Amino acid sequence: LVIAFAIIMVISNPFMGLIYSQMILSIQLPITIFLQVYLTSSEKVMGKYKNRTSTKWILYILGGIVTVLNLMLLISFIV
């Protein structure tokens, strides 16, 4: 909490601070998506409720789309 408060006090433009914080949070989103697809597709974890192969690949494609969009956002702020 103290570190977050200190960072807020240093930021001169609150809007850009919000954008940067959301961009940093979005970096972990693909990791979470791929981990959840992996776990819900595992018979060891889910048993008979595991994802079907078609569902698993649709979810991996959606995770790939999210990853590409996050990379595009990151590149747009760097360039």
C-alpha atoms as a PDB file:
ATOM      1  CA  LEU A   1       0.000   0.000   0.000  1.00  0.00           C
ATOM      2  CA  VAL A   2       2.816   2.393   0.828  1.00  0.00           C
ATOM      3  CA  ILE A   3       4.603   1.624  -2.456  1.00  0.00           C
ATOM      4  CA  ALA A   4       1.404   2.185  -4.460  1.00  0.00           C
ATOM      5  CA  PHE A   5       0.817   5.498  -2.674  1.00  0.00           C
ATOM      6  CA  ALA A   6       4.379   6.609  -3.395  1.00  0.00           C
ATOM      7  CA  ILE A   7       3.992   5.791  -7.078  1.00  0.00           C
ATOM      8  CA  ILE A   8       0.719   7.731  -7.238  1.00  0.00           C
ATOM      9  CA  MET A   9       2.421  10.756  -5.701  1.00  0.00           C
ATOM     10  CA  VAL A  10       5.210  10.637  -8.332  1.00  0.00           C
ATOM     11  CA  ILE A  11       2.922  10.400 -11.380  1.00  0.00           C
ATOM     12  CA  SER A  12       2.328  13.810 -12.910  1.00  0.00           C
ATOM     13  CA  ASN A  13      -0.478  12.722 -15.247  1.00  0.00           C
ATOM     14  CA  PRO A  14      -3.050  10.496 -13.481  1.00  0.00           C
ATOM     15  CA  PHE A  15      -4.634   9.396 -16.779  1.00  0.00           C
ATOM     16  CA  MET A  16      -1.336   8.051 -18.122  1.00  0.00           C
ATOM     17  CA  GLY A  17      -0.685   6.416 -14.751  1.00  0.00           C
ATOM     18  CA  LEU A  18      -3.986   4.572 -15.121  1.00  0.00           C
ATOM     19  CA  ILE A  19      -3.140   3.527 -18.681  1.00  0.00           C
ATOM     20  CA  TYR A  20       0.290   2.227 -17.643  1.00  0.00           C
ATOM     21  CA  SER A  21      -1.108   0.327 -14.661  1.00  0.00           C
ATOM     22  CA  GLN A  22      -3.753  -1.359 -16.815  1.00  0.00           C
ATOM     23  CA  MET A  23      -1.153  -2.204 -19.440  1.00  0.00           C
ATOM     24  CA  ILE A  24       1.022  -3.846 -16.793  1.00  0.00           C
ATOM     25  CA  LEU A  25      -1.972  -5.768 -15.433  1.00  0.00           C
ATOM     26  CA  SER A  26      -2.874  -6.968 -18.941  1.00  0.00           C
ATOM     27  CA  ILE A  27       0.546  -8.622 -19.278  1.00  0.00           C
ATOM     28  CA  GLN A  28      -0.478 -11.352 -16.818  1.00  0.00           C
ATOM     29  CA  LEU A  29      -3.837 -11.997 -18.528  1.00  0.00           C
ATOM     30  CA  PRO A  30      -2.571 -14.405 -21.247  1.00  0.00           C
ATOM     31  CA  ILE A  31      -0.665 -16.388 -18.614  1.00  0.00           C
ATOM     32  CA  THR A  32      -3.886 -16.810 -16.648  1.00  0.00           C
ATOM     33  CA  ILE A  33      -5.902 -17.748 -19.745  1.00  0.00           C
ATOM     34  CA  PHE A  34      -3.446 -20.413 -20.910  1.00  0.00           C
ATOM     35  CA  LEU A  35      -3.091 -21.841 -17.395  1.00  0.00           C
ATOM     36  CA  GLN A  36      -6.872 -22.098 -16.975  1.00  0.00           C
ATOM     37  CA  VAL A  37      -7.282 -23.804 -20.371  1.00  0.00           C
ATOM     38  CA  TYR A  38      -4.504 -26.240 -19.488  1.00  0.00           C
ATOM     39  CA  LEU A  39      -6.028 -27.070 -16.113  1.00  0.00           C
ATOM     40  CA  THR A  40      -9.607 -27.421 -17.373  1.00  0.00           C
ATOM     41  CA  SER A  41      -8.421 -29.655 -20.231  1.00  0.00           C
ATOM     42  CA  SER A  42      -6.603 -32.054 -17.896  1.00  0.00           C
ATOM     43  CA  GLU A  43      -8.402 -35.277 -17.086  1.00  0.00           C
ATOM     44  CA  LYS A  44      -6.280 -35.608 -13.955  1.00  0.00           C
ATOM     45  CA  VAL A  45      -7.628 -32.294 -12.651  1.00  0.00           C
ATOM     46  CA  MET A  46     -11.174 -32.185 -14.053  1.00  0.00           C
ATOM     47  CA  GLY A  47     -11.994 -35.854 -14.502  1.00  0.00           C
ATOM     48  CA  LYS A  48     -14.981 -36.443 -16.761  1.00  0.00           C
ATOM     49  CA  TYR A  49     -15.679 -32.678 -16.869  1.00  0.00           C
ATOM     50  CA  LYS A  50     -12.554 -31.819 -18.845  1.00  0.00           C
ATOM     51  CA  ASN A  51     -12.765 -29.684 -21.982  1.00  0.00           C
ATOM     52  CA  ARG A  52     -13.376 -31.383 -25.289  1.00  0.00           C
ATOM     53  CA  THR A  53     -10.588 -31.043 -27.861  1.00  0.00           C
ATOM     54  CA  SER A  54     -12.567 -28.561 -29.956  1.00  0.00           C
ATOM     55  CA  THR A  55     -13.314 -26.390 -26.927  1.00  0.00           C
ATOM     56  CA  LYS A  56      -9.675 -26.517 -25.863  1.00  0.00           C
ATOM     57  CA  TRP A  57      -8.451 -25.277 -29.259  1.00  0.00           C
ATOM     58  CA  ILE A  58     -11.060 -22.509 -29.416  1.00  0.00           C
ATOM     59  CA  LEU A  59      -9.896 -21.311 -25.999  1.00  0.00           C
ATOM     60  CA  TYR A  60      -6.233 -21.473 -27.051  1.00  0.00           C
ATOM     61  CA  ILE A  61      -7.053 -19.391 -30.152  1.00  0.00           C
ATOM     62  CA  LEU A  62      -8.846 -16.810 -27.998  1.00  0.00           C
ATOM     63  CA  GLY A  63      -5.843 -16.738 -25.654  1.00  0.00           C
ATOM     64  CA  GLY A  64      -3.613 -16.158 -28.676  1.00  0.00           C
ATOM     65  CA  ILE A  65      -5.807 -13.253 -29.796  1.00  0.00           C
ATOM     66  CA  VAL A  66      -5.586 -11.675 -26.334  1.00  0.00           C
ATOM     67  CA  THR A  67      -1.798 -12.139 -26.384  1.00  0.00           C
ATOM     68  CA  VAL A  68      -1.460 -10.477 -29.798  1.00  0.00           C
ATOM     69  CA  LEU A  69      -3.665  -7.558 -28.745  1.00  0.00           C
ATOM     70  CA  ASN A  70      -1.607  -7.062 -25.572  1.00  0.00           C
ATOM     71  CA  LEU A  71       1.610  -7.089 -27.594  1.00  0.00           C
ATOM     72  CA  MET A  72       0.140  -4.529 -29.991  1.00  0.00           C
ATOM     73  CA  LEU A  73      -0.772  -2.296 -27.036  1.00  0.00           C
ATOM     74  CA  LEU A  74       2.714  -2.617 -25.594  1.00  0.00           C
ATOM     75  CA  ILE A  75       4.345  -1.819 -28.948  1.00  0.00           C
ATOM     76  CA  SER A  76       2.050   1.188 -29.482  1.00  0.00           C
ATOM     77  CA  PHE A  77       3.276   2.724 -26.232  1.00  0.00           C
ATOM     78  CA  ILE A  78       6.939   2.020 -26.936  1.00  0.00           C
ATOM     79  CA  VAL A  79       6.964   3.447 -30.478  1.00  0.00           C
END
